[in-house]
Structure formats: C-alpha cells, structure tokens
Amino acid sequence: MKTKLLLIFIITKKKNLMAYYKKSKELQTKALLIRKEINERQNTMYSLVDLAFTLMAGEYKFDTASVLLQDALVLAKETESNDYEAFCYQSIGM
C-alpha cells in the first residue's frame, strides 16, 4: 500500500512539474519574441539560454536547445559577454 501511494505521489508531482515547465516555456518564448522585436541583443541572449534549459530539463529537447545555445553564443560574442560565452561553450559541450 505504501509503495502504491508513493508511486501516485511521484506521478502527481511529475505532472505538476511538467505543467510548470510548459508555462515556463510559454512565457520564455513570449519574452524572447518581444526582446527580438525590440532588438535587445543582450536580453535576447539571456532568453535564449533560459529557454534552452527549460527545453532540456522539461522536454528533453537537446537538439533544439543546442541550436538556441549556439544562437546565444553568437550574441555573447557580439555583446562581449565573456561569462555567457564561456557558459554557452560549456553547455554546448565545446
């Protein structure tokens, strides 16, 4: 009985967590579009990184996240954000 309750608890927690990732992805995508529209390059870079990690952790979309991180890397170089450049290299695995 305890095992069954524990399993139900874990499944419920995972469903709740997935709902949070879904909402996070939705809001981060909106923020990214706005930042691109008004040409905020550094904040676009931050949004790309945040969205990439949400996709990796919430949906296991590593290929899509890698593309976003590569885009963020380009912006990190353009804006001379050395810490984010290093972070992107590390996250991409270079």
N, C-alpha and C. Protein backbone atom coordinates (compact mmCIF):
# COMPACT_ATOMS: atom_id res chain seq x y z
N MET A 1 0.82 -1.20 0.00
CA MET A 1 0.00 0.00 0.00
C MET A 1 0.86 1.26 0.00
N LYS A 2 1.93 1.28 0.81
CA LYS A 2 2.82 2.45 0.86
C LYS A 2 3.50 2.68 -0.49
N THR A 3 3.87 1.58 -1.14
CA THR A 3 4.51 1.68 -2.45
C THR A 3 3.56 2.30 -3.47
N LYS A 4 2.31 1.89 -3.43
CA LYS A 4 1.32 2.42 -4.36
C LYS A 4 1.09 3.91 -4.10
N LEU A 5 1.01 4.30 -2.85
CA LEU A 5 0.83 5.72 -2.52
C LEU A 5 2.04 6.55 -2.95
N LEU A 6 3.23 5.99 -2.75
CA LEU A 6 4.45 6.68 -3.15
C LEU A 6 4.47 6.86 -4.67
N LEU A 7 4.07 5.83 -5.39
CA LEU A 7 4.03 5.91 -6.85
C LEU A 7 3.02 6.97 -7.31
N ILE A 8 1.87 7.02 -6.71
CA ILE A 8 0.86 8.03 -7.04
C ILE A 8 1.40 9.43 -6.75
N PHE A 9 2.08 9.56 -5.62
CA PHE A 9 2.68 10.84 -5.25
C PHE A 9 3.70 11.29 -6.29
N ILE A 10 4.57 10.38 -6.71
CA ILE A 10 5.62 10.69 -7.69
C ILE A 10 4.99 11.08 -9.03
N ILE A 11 4.00 10.35 -9.47
CA ILE A 11 3.34 10.64 -10.75
C ILE A 11 2.66 12.01 -10.69
N THR A 12 2.00 12.30 -9.59
CA THR A 12 1.33 13.59 -9.43
C THR A 12 2.34 14.73 -9.44
N LYS A 13 3.45 14.56 -8.73
CA LYS A 13 4.50 15.57 -8.69
C LYS A 13 5.07 15.82 -10.09
N LYS A 14 5.28 14.74 -10.83
CA LYS A 14 5.83 14.87 -12.18
C LYS A 14 4.86 15.62 -13.09
N LYS A 15 3.57 15.33 -12.98
CA LYS A 15 2.57 16.03 -13.80
C LYS A 15 2.56 17.52 -13.46
N ASN A 16 2.64 17.84 -12.17
CA ASN A 16 2.69 19.25 -11.75
C ASN A 16 3.95 19.93 -12.28
N LEU A 17 5.06 19.24 -12.18
CA LEU A 17 6.33 19.79 -12.65
C LEU A 17 6.27 20.03 -14.16
N MET A 18 5.70 19.11 -14.89
CA MET A 18 5.59 19.27 -16.34
C MET A 18 4.71 20.47 -16.69
N ALA A 19 3.68 20.71 -15.90
CA ALA A 19 2.82 21.87 -16.12
C ALA A 19 3.61 23.16 -15.91
N TYR A 20 4.49 23.18 -14.91
CA TYR A 20 5.33 24.35 -14.67
C TYR A 20 6.30 24.59 -15.83
N TYR A 21 6.90 23.50 -16.34
CA TYR A 21 7.80 23.63 -17.49
C TYR A 21 7.05 24.15 -18.71
N LYS A 22 5.83 23.67 -18.91
CA LYS A 22 5.04 24.12 -20.05
C LYS A 22 4.76 25.62 -19.95
N LYS A 23 4.35 26.08 -18.78
CA LYS A 23 4.07 27.50 -18.57
C LYS A 23 5.35 28.33 -18.70
N SER A 24 6.44 27.81 -18.17
CA SER A 24 7.72 28.50 -18.26
C SER A 24 8.14 28.65 -19.72
N LYS A 25 7.99 27.58 -20.49
CA LYS A 25 8.33 27.62 -21.92
C LYS A 25 7.48 28.67 -22.63
N GLU A 26 6.21 28.71 -22.32
CA GLU A 26 5.29 29.67 -22.95
C GLU A 26 5.72 31.11 -22.66
N LEU A 27 6.01 31.40 -21.40
CA LEU A 27 6.40 32.76 -21.02
C LEU A 27 7.78 33.14 -21.56
N GLN A 28 8.70 32.21 -21.54
CA GLN A 28 10.04 32.50 -22.04
C GLN A 28 10.02 32.71 -23.56
N THR A 29 9.18 31.97 -24.25
CA THR A 29 9.05 32.16 -25.70
C THR A 29 8.49 33.55 -26.01
N LYS A 30 7.49 33.98 -25.24
CA LYS A 30 6.93 35.33 -25.42
C LYS A 30 8.00 36.39 -25.16
N ALA A 31 8.74 36.22 -24.08
CA ALA A 31 9.79 37.18 -23.74
C ALA A 31 10.84 37.24 -24.85
N LEU A 32 11.22 36.09 -25.37
CA LEU A 32 12.21 36.03 -26.43
C LEU A 32 11.73 36.78 -27.67
N LEU A 33 10.49 36.57 -28.05
CA LEU A 33 9.95 37.25 -29.23
C LEU A 33 9.92 38.76 -29.05
N ILE A 34 9.53 39.21 -27.87
CA ILE A 34 9.50 40.65 -27.59
C ILE A 34 10.91 41.24 -27.63
N ARG A 35 11.83 40.56 -27.01
CA ARG A 35 13.21 41.06 -26.97
C ARG A 35 13.83 41.11 -28.36
N LYS A 36 13.51 40.10 -29.19
CA LYS A 36 14.00 40.13 -30.58
C LYS A 36 13.36 41.29 -31.35
N GLU A 37 12.07 41.49 -31.13
CA GLU A 37 11.33 42.53 -31.83
C GLU A 37 11.89 43.93 -31.55
N ILE A 38 12.27 44.16 -30.30
CA ILE A 38 12.80 45.49 -29.95
C ILE A 38 14.33 45.52 -29.98
N ASN A 39 14.91 44.46 -30.49
CA ASN A 39 16.36 44.36 -30.73
C ASN A 39 17.20 44.56 -29.46
N GLU A 40 16.79 43.90 -28.38
CA GLU A 40 17.60 43.88 -27.15
C GLU A 40 18.51 42.66 -27.23
N ARG A 41 19.68 42.86 -27.77
CA ARG A 41 20.56 41.71 -28.06
C ARG A 41 21.01 40.97 -26.81
N GLN A 42 21.39 41.70 -25.78
CA GLN A 42 21.88 41.01 -24.59
C GLN A 42 20.74 40.27 -23.87
N ASN A 43 19.59 40.90 -23.77
CA ASN A 43 18.46 40.21 -23.13
C ASN A 43 17.93 39.08 -24.00
N THR A 44 18.06 39.20 -25.31
CA THR A 44 17.72 38.09 -26.20
C THR A 44 18.61 36.89 -25.89
N MET A 45 19.88 37.17 -25.67
CA MET A 45 20.83 36.11 -25.31
C MET A 45 20.39 35.42 -24.02
N TYR A 46 20.00 36.20 -23.02
CA TYR A 46 19.55 35.61 -21.75
C TYR A 46 18.31 34.74 -21.98
N SER A 47 17.39 35.24 -22.78
CA SER A 47 16.16 34.47 -23.05
C SER A 47 16.45 33.17 -23.79
N LEU A 48 17.39 33.23 -24.72
CA LEU A 48 17.77 32.01 -25.45
C LEU A 48 18.32 30.95 -24.50
N VAL A 49 19.18 31.37 -23.60
CA VAL A 49 19.76 30.43 -22.63
C VAL A 49 18.68 29.87 -21.70
N ASP A 50 17.82 30.73 -21.18
CA ASP A 50 16.76 30.28 -20.29
C ASP A 50 15.83 29.28 -20.98
N LEU A 51 15.43 29.61 -22.20
CA LEU A 51 14.54 28.73 -22.95
C LEU A 51 15.22 27.41 -23.27
N ALA A 52 16.50 27.47 -23.60
CA ALA A 52 17.24 26.23 -23.90
C ALA A 52 17.24 25.29 -22.70
N PHE A 53 17.47 25.84 -21.51
CA PHE A 53 17.49 24.98 -20.33
C PHE A 53 16.11 24.46 -19.96
N THR A 54 15.09 25.24 -20.22
CA THR A 54 13.73 24.76 -19.99
C THR A 54 13.42 23.60 -20.94
N LEU A 55 13.85 23.72 -22.18
CA LEU A 55 13.62 22.65 -23.15
C LEU A 55 14.40 21.38 -22.78
N MET A 56 15.60 21.56 -22.29
CA MET A 56 16.40 20.39 -21.91
C MET A 56 15.81 19.70 -20.68
N ALA A 57 15.49 20.48 -19.66
CA ALA A 57 15.03 19.90 -18.40
C ALA A 57 13.58 19.45 -18.45
N GLY A 58 12.75 20.18 -19.18
CA GLY A 58 11.32 19.89 -19.17
C GLY A 58 10.85 18.96 -20.27
N GLU A 59 11.49 19.04 -21.44
CA GLU A 59 11.01 18.26 -22.58
C GLU A 59 12.08 17.36 -23.18
N TYR A 60 13.29 17.44 -22.67
CA TYR A 60 14.42 16.63 -23.16
C TYR A 60 14.68 16.88 -24.64
N LYS A 61 14.49 18.13 -25.08
CA LYS A 61 14.73 18.51 -26.48
C LYS A 61 16.14 19.10 -26.58
N PHE A 62 17.11 18.20 -26.59
CA PHE A 62 18.50 18.63 -26.56
C PHE A 62 18.95 19.24 -27.88
N ASP A 63 18.43 18.74 -29.00
CA ASP A 63 18.81 19.29 -30.30
C ASP A 63 18.33 20.73 -30.44
N THR A 64 17.08 20.97 -30.08
CA THR A 64 16.52 22.31 -30.16
C THR A 64 17.26 23.24 -29.20
N ALA A 65 17.52 22.76 -28.00
CA ALA A 65 18.24 23.56 -27.01
C ALA A 65 19.65 23.90 -27.49
N SER A 66 20.30 22.98 -28.16
CA SER A 66 21.64 23.22 -28.68
C SER A 66 21.64 24.34 -29.72
N VAL A 67 20.62 24.37 -30.57
CA VAL A 67 20.51 25.43 -31.56
C VAL A 67 20.33 26.79 -30.87
N LEU A 68 19.48 26.82 -29.84
CA LEU A 68 19.27 28.06 -29.09
C LEU A 68 20.56 28.52 -28.41
N LEU A 69 21.30 27.58 -27.85
CA LEU A 69 22.56 27.92 -27.19
C LEU A 69 23.59 28.43 -28.19
N GLN A 70 23.58 27.88 -29.38
CA GLN A 70 24.51 28.37 -30.41
C GLN A 70 24.14 29.80 -30.83
N ASP A 71 22.84 30.08 -30.92
CA ASP A 71 22.40 31.44 -31.21
C ASP A 71 22.80 32.39 -30.08
N ALA A 72 22.67 31.92 -28.85
CA ALA A 72 23.07 32.72 -27.69
C ALA A 72 24.58 32.97 -27.70
N LEU A 73 25.33 31.98 -28.14
CA LEU A 73 26.79 32.12 -28.22
C LEU A 73 27.18 33.23 -29.19
N VAL A 74 26.50 33.29 -30.32
CA VAL A 74 26.77 34.36 -31.29
C VAL A 74 26.52 35.73 -30.65
N LEU A 75 25.41 35.85 -29.94
CA LEU A 75 25.10 37.12 -29.28
C LEU A 75 26.09 37.43 -28.15
N ALA A 76 26.52 36.40 -27.45
CA ALA A 76 27.50 36.60 -26.38
C ALA A 76 28.80 37.17 -26.94
N LYS A 77 29.21 36.67 -28.09
CA LYS A 77 30.42 37.20 -28.73
C LYS A 77 30.20 38.64 -29.19
N GLU A 78 29.04 38.89 -29.81
CA GLU A 78 28.74 40.24 -30.31
C GLU A 78 28.67 41.27 -29.19
N THR A 79 28.11 40.88 -28.06
CA THR A 79 27.94 41.82 -26.94
C THR A 79 29.10 41.77 -25.96
N GLU A 80 30.11 40.97 -26.29
CA GLU A 80 31.30 40.82 -25.46
C GLU A 80 30.97 40.37 -24.04
N SER A 81 30.02 39.46 -23.95
CA SER A 81 29.64 38.87 -22.65
C SER A 81 30.47 37.62 -22.43
N ASN A 82 31.67 37.82 -21.90
CA ASN A 82 32.62 36.71 -21.77
C ASN A 82 32.09 35.58 -20.90
N ASP A 83 31.37 35.93 -19.82
CA ASP A 83 30.86 34.88 -18.94
C ASP A 83 29.80 34.04 -19.65
N TYR A 84 28.93 34.68 -20.43
CA TYR A 84 27.91 33.92 -21.15
C TYR A 84 28.51 33.17 -22.33
N GLU A 85 29.55 33.71 -22.92
CA GLU A 85 30.24 33.00 -24.00
C GLU A 85 30.81 31.69 -23.46
N ALA A 86 31.49 31.77 -22.33
CA ALA A 86 32.05 30.56 -21.71
C ALA A 86 30.93 29.60 -21.30
N PHE A 87 29.86 30.15 -20.75
CA PHE A 87 28.72 29.33 -20.32
C PHE A 87 28.11 28.59 -21.50
N CYS A 88 27.95 29.28 -22.63
CA CYS A 88 27.38 28.64 -23.83
C CYS A 88 28.30 27.54 -24.35
N TYR A 89 29.60 27.84 -24.40
CA TYR A 89 30.56 26.80 -24.83
C TYR A 89 30.46 25.57 -23.94
N GLN A 90 30.40 25.80 -22.64
CA GLN A 90 30.31 24.68 -21.71
C GLN A 90 29.00 23.90 -21.91
N SER A 91 27.90 24.61 -22.09
CA SER A 91 26.60 23.95 -22.23
C SER A 91 26.47 23.18 -23.54
N ILE A 92 27.08 23.72 -24.60
CA ILE A 92 27.05 23.04 -25.88
C ILE A 92 27.99 21.84 -25.86
N GLY A 93 29.02 21.93 -25.03
CA GLY A 93 29.97 20.82 -24.92
C GLY A 93 31.20 21.02 -25.77
N MET A 94 31.56 22.27 -26.00
CA MET A 94 32.74 22.57 -26.81
C MET A 94 33.93 22.81 -25.93
